[in-house]
């Protein structure tokens, strides 16, 4: 039903759930992606399982909002997706966000594989922590944190710490 309605009305944004009658949301999105590639689908779901959310992005979703996020977040997500941007609820932690970004189909698939510890360091730096504070919170030496930072910078092609922090803040809402 969602597929037929979308083809007939061609809305700016389609809000779907993973669990829907007749055809689940992911299967409907796969069909819709082939038959109406311009469709912008936002999933409103209670599911916070990263494997399921990765599948949603692989199918072509433009956004995910957890039902626990509330009305304001849903409106923000709709506006974001309507502009052609991707929205991922901040209620999903950074590790899941980066896994979801990696799951999205890309034209030039050059996936950046950061380790969980590198992701954690990136999150702490984005929150304004110094390298020393981040190391203490992660229970690692400052030297190890510094090594993680330089490996992240190398993988991302970033030259300065300031660029790295700007990237981390801009990458996704933390």
Protein backbone atom coordinates (compact mmCIF):
# COMPACT_ATOMS: atom_id res chain seq x y z
CA UNK A 1 0.00 0.00 0.00
CA UNK A 2 2.84 2.42 0.84
CA UNK A 3 4.45 1.80 -2.54
CA UNK A 4 1.23 2.42 -4.47
CA UNK A 5 0.41 5.56 -2.49
CA UNK A 6 3.92 6.94 -2.94
CA UNK A 7 3.84 6.34 -6.70
CA UNK A 8 0.42 7.97 -6.97
CA UNK A 9 1.01 11.03 -4.72
CA UNK A 10 4.82 11.41 -4.92
CA UNK A 11 5.21 13.13 -1.53
CA UNK A 12 8.34 15.05 -0.56
CA UNK A 13 8.95 12.74 2.41
CA UNK A 14 7.51 9.32 3.22
CA UNK A 15 7.40 8.25 6.86
CA UNK A 16 7.51 4.49 7.30
CA UNK A 17 7.97 1.96 10.07
CA UNK A 18 9.90 -1.27 9.91
CA UNK A 19 6.81 -3.20 11.01
CA UNK A 20 3.90 -2.43 8.67
CA UNK A 21 0.89 -4.47 7.59
CA UNK A 22 1.14 -6.62 4.44
CA UNK A 23 4.73 -5.69 3.55
CA UNK A 24 7.44 -4.73 6.04
CA UNK A 25 8.93 -1.24 5.69
CA UNK A 26 12.35 -2.41 4.50
CA UNK A 27 10.90 -4.56 1.72
CA UNK A 28 8.58 -1.71 0.72
CA UNK A 29 11.55 0.67 0.62
CA UNK A 30 13.52 -1.71 -1.63
CA UNK A 31 10.62 -1.78 -4.10
CA UNK A 32 10.13 1.96 -3.83
CA UNK A 33 13.85 2.64 -4.39
CA UNK A 34 13.61 0.83 -7.74
CA UNK A 35 10.25 2.19 -8.85
CA UNK A 36 10.52 5.74 -7.48
CA UNK A 37 14.22 6.47 -6.88
CA UNK A 38 13.54 10.11 -5.94
CA UNK A 39 11.54 9.00 -2.87
CA UNK A 40 12.89 10.25 0.45
CA UNK A 41 11.94 7.78 3.14
CA UNK A 42 12.26 8.49 6.85
CA UNK A 43 11.84 5.57 9.23
CA UNK A 44 10.06 6.21 12.52
CA UNK A 45 10.73 3.17 14.63
CA UNK A 46 11.12 1.83 18.14
CA UNK A 47 13.94 -0.49 17.00
CA UNK A 48 17.44 0.52 18.11
CA UNK A 49 19.24 -2.58 16.83
CA UNK A 50 22.19 -1.51 14.68
CA UNK A 51 21.92 -4.53 12.35
CA UNK A 52 18.32 -3.69 11.56
CA UNK A 53 19.13 0.00 11.14
CA UNK A 54 22.03 -0.85 8.79
CA UNK A 55 19.57 -2.80 6.68
CA UNK A 56 17.25 0.24 6.58
CA UNK A 57 20.08 2.37 5.18
CA UNK A 58 21.19 -0.28 2.70
CA UNK A 59 17.62 -0.33 1.40
CA UNK A 60 17.86 3.42 0.74
CA UNK A 61 16.36 5.22 3.76
CA UNK A 62 17.26 8.89 4.12
CA UNK A 63 16.65 9.05 7.85
CA UNK A 64 15.86 7.21 11.07
CA UNK A 65 14.04 8.58 14.10
CA UNK A 66 13.30 6.59 17.21
CA UNK A 67 9.75 6.90 18.50
CA UNK A 68 11.22 7.87 21.86
CA UNK A 69 12.60 11.04 20.22
CA UNK A 70 9.38 13.03 20.38
CA UNK A 71 7.53 15.41 18.07
CA UNK A 72 10.23 18.11 17.79
CA UNK A 73 12.81 15.60 16.66
CA UNK A 74 10.39 14.08 14.15
CA UNK A 75 9.75 17.53 12.64
CA UNK A 76 13.50 18.25 12.51
CA UNK A 77 14.05 14.91 10.78
CA UNK A 78 11.29 15.55 8.22
CA UNK A 79 12.74 18.96 7.34
CA UNK A 80 16.26 17.51 7.08
CA UNK A 81 15.19 14.68 4.79
CA UNK A 82 13.02 17.04 2.72
CA UNK A 83 16.16 19.12 2.03
CA UNK A 84 17.81 15.98 0.66
CA UNK A 85 20.05 15.46 3.69
CA UNK A 86 20.38 12.40 5.88
CA UNK A 87 19.00 12.38 9.41
CA UNK A 88 20.05 9.91 12.09
CA UNK A 89 18.58 10.36 15.54
CA UNK A 90 21.11 11.43 18.18
CA UNK A 91 19.57 8.77 20.43
CA UNK A 92 21.72 6.21 18.60
CA UNK A 93 25.30 6.30 19.91
CA UNK A 94 28.29 7.30 17.76
CA UNK A 95 29.49 3.78 17.08
CA UNK A 96 26.09 2.92 15.65
CA UNK A 97 25.96 6.18 13.68
CA UNK A 98 29.28 5.47 11.99
CA UNK A 99 28.26 1.89 11.25
CA UNK A 100 25.07 3.22 9.66
CA UNK A 101 27.00 5.76 7.59
CA UNK A 102 29.24 2.95 6.36
CA UNK A 103 26.14 0.93 5.44
CA UNK A 104 24.73 3.65 3.20
CA UNK A 105 25.22 3.03 -0.50
CA UNK A 106 27.89 5.34 -1.92
CA UNK A 107 28.93 6.12 -5.46
CA UNK A 108 32.63 6.17 -4.56
CA UNK A 109 32.72 3.52 -1.89
CA UNK A 110 35.84 4.40 0.07
CA UNK A 111 34.70 3.35 3.51
CA UNK A 112 36.64 4.59 6.48
CA UNK A 113 37.15 1.81 9.00
CA UNK A 114 37.73 3.31 12.42
CA UNK A 115 38.12 1.01 15.39
CA UNK A 116 35.69 1.28 18.30
CA UNK A 117 38.44 2.95 20.39
CA UNK A 118 39.11 5.47 17.61
CA UNK A 119 35.38 6.19 17.40
CA UNK A 120 35.22 6.70 21.15
CA UNK A 121 38.18 9.10 21.04
CA UNK A 122 36.60 11.00 18.14
CA UNK A 123 33.35 11.34 20.13
CA UNK A 124 35.17 12.63 23.22
CA UNK A 125 37.15 15.17 21.19
CA UNK A 126 33.92 16.37 19.59
CA UNK A 127 32.51 16.87 23.08
CA UNK A 128 35.37 19.26 23.84
CA UNK A 129 37.59 16.94 25.86
CA UNK A 130 41.35 17.41 25.67
CA UNK A 131 43.45 14.46 24.55
CA UNK A 132 44.60 13.99 28.16
CA UNK A 133 40.98 14.03 29.46
CA UNK A 134 39.87 11.63 26.73
CA UNK A 135 42.73 9.25 27.55
CA UNK A 136 41.75 9.27 31.23
CA UNK A 137 38.08 8.61 30.43
CA UNK A 138 39.06 5.77 28.10
CA UNK A 139 41.51 4.35 30.68
CA UNK A 140 44.40 4.45 28.20
CA UNK A 141 47.69 6.31 28.21
CA UNK A 142 47.94 9.74 26.66
CA UNK A 143 50.44 8.27 24.20
CA UNK A 144 47.92 5.62 23.07
CA UNK A 145 45.23 8.28 22.69
CA UNK A 146 47.66 10.34 20.62
CA UNK A 147 48.37 7.31 18.44
CA UNK A 148 44.62 6.77 17.91
CA UNK A 149 44.22 10.44 17.02
CA UNK A 150 46.95 10.35 14.38
CA UNK A 151 45.61 7.10 12.91
CA UNK A 152 42.13 8.67 12.66
CA UNK A 153 43.61 11.75 10.99
CA UNK A 154 45.51 9.60 8.50
CA UNK A 155 42.41 7.54 7.64
CA UNK A 156 40.31 10.69 7.20
CA UNK A 157 42.98 12.61 5.31
CA UNK A 158 42.98 15.37 7.92
CA UNK A 159 46.14 17.35 8.66
CA UNK A 160 45.46 19.27 11.90
CA UNK A 161 43.77 18.62 15.23
CA UNK A 162 41.49 21.62 14.65
CA UNK A 163 40.33 20.08 11.35
CA UNK A 164 39.74 16.76 13.13
CA UNK A 165 37.56 18.37 15.79
CA UNK A 166 35.61 20.37 13.18
CA UNK A 167 35.09 17.12 11.25
CA UNK A 168 33.93 15.26 14.36
CA UNK A 169 31.44 17.97 15.30
CA UNK A 170 30.13 18.33 11.74
CA UNK A 171 30.05 14.57 11.07
CA UNK A 172 26.95 13.92 13.15
CA UNK A 173 25.23 15.39 16.20
CA UNK A 174 26.79 13.85 19.31
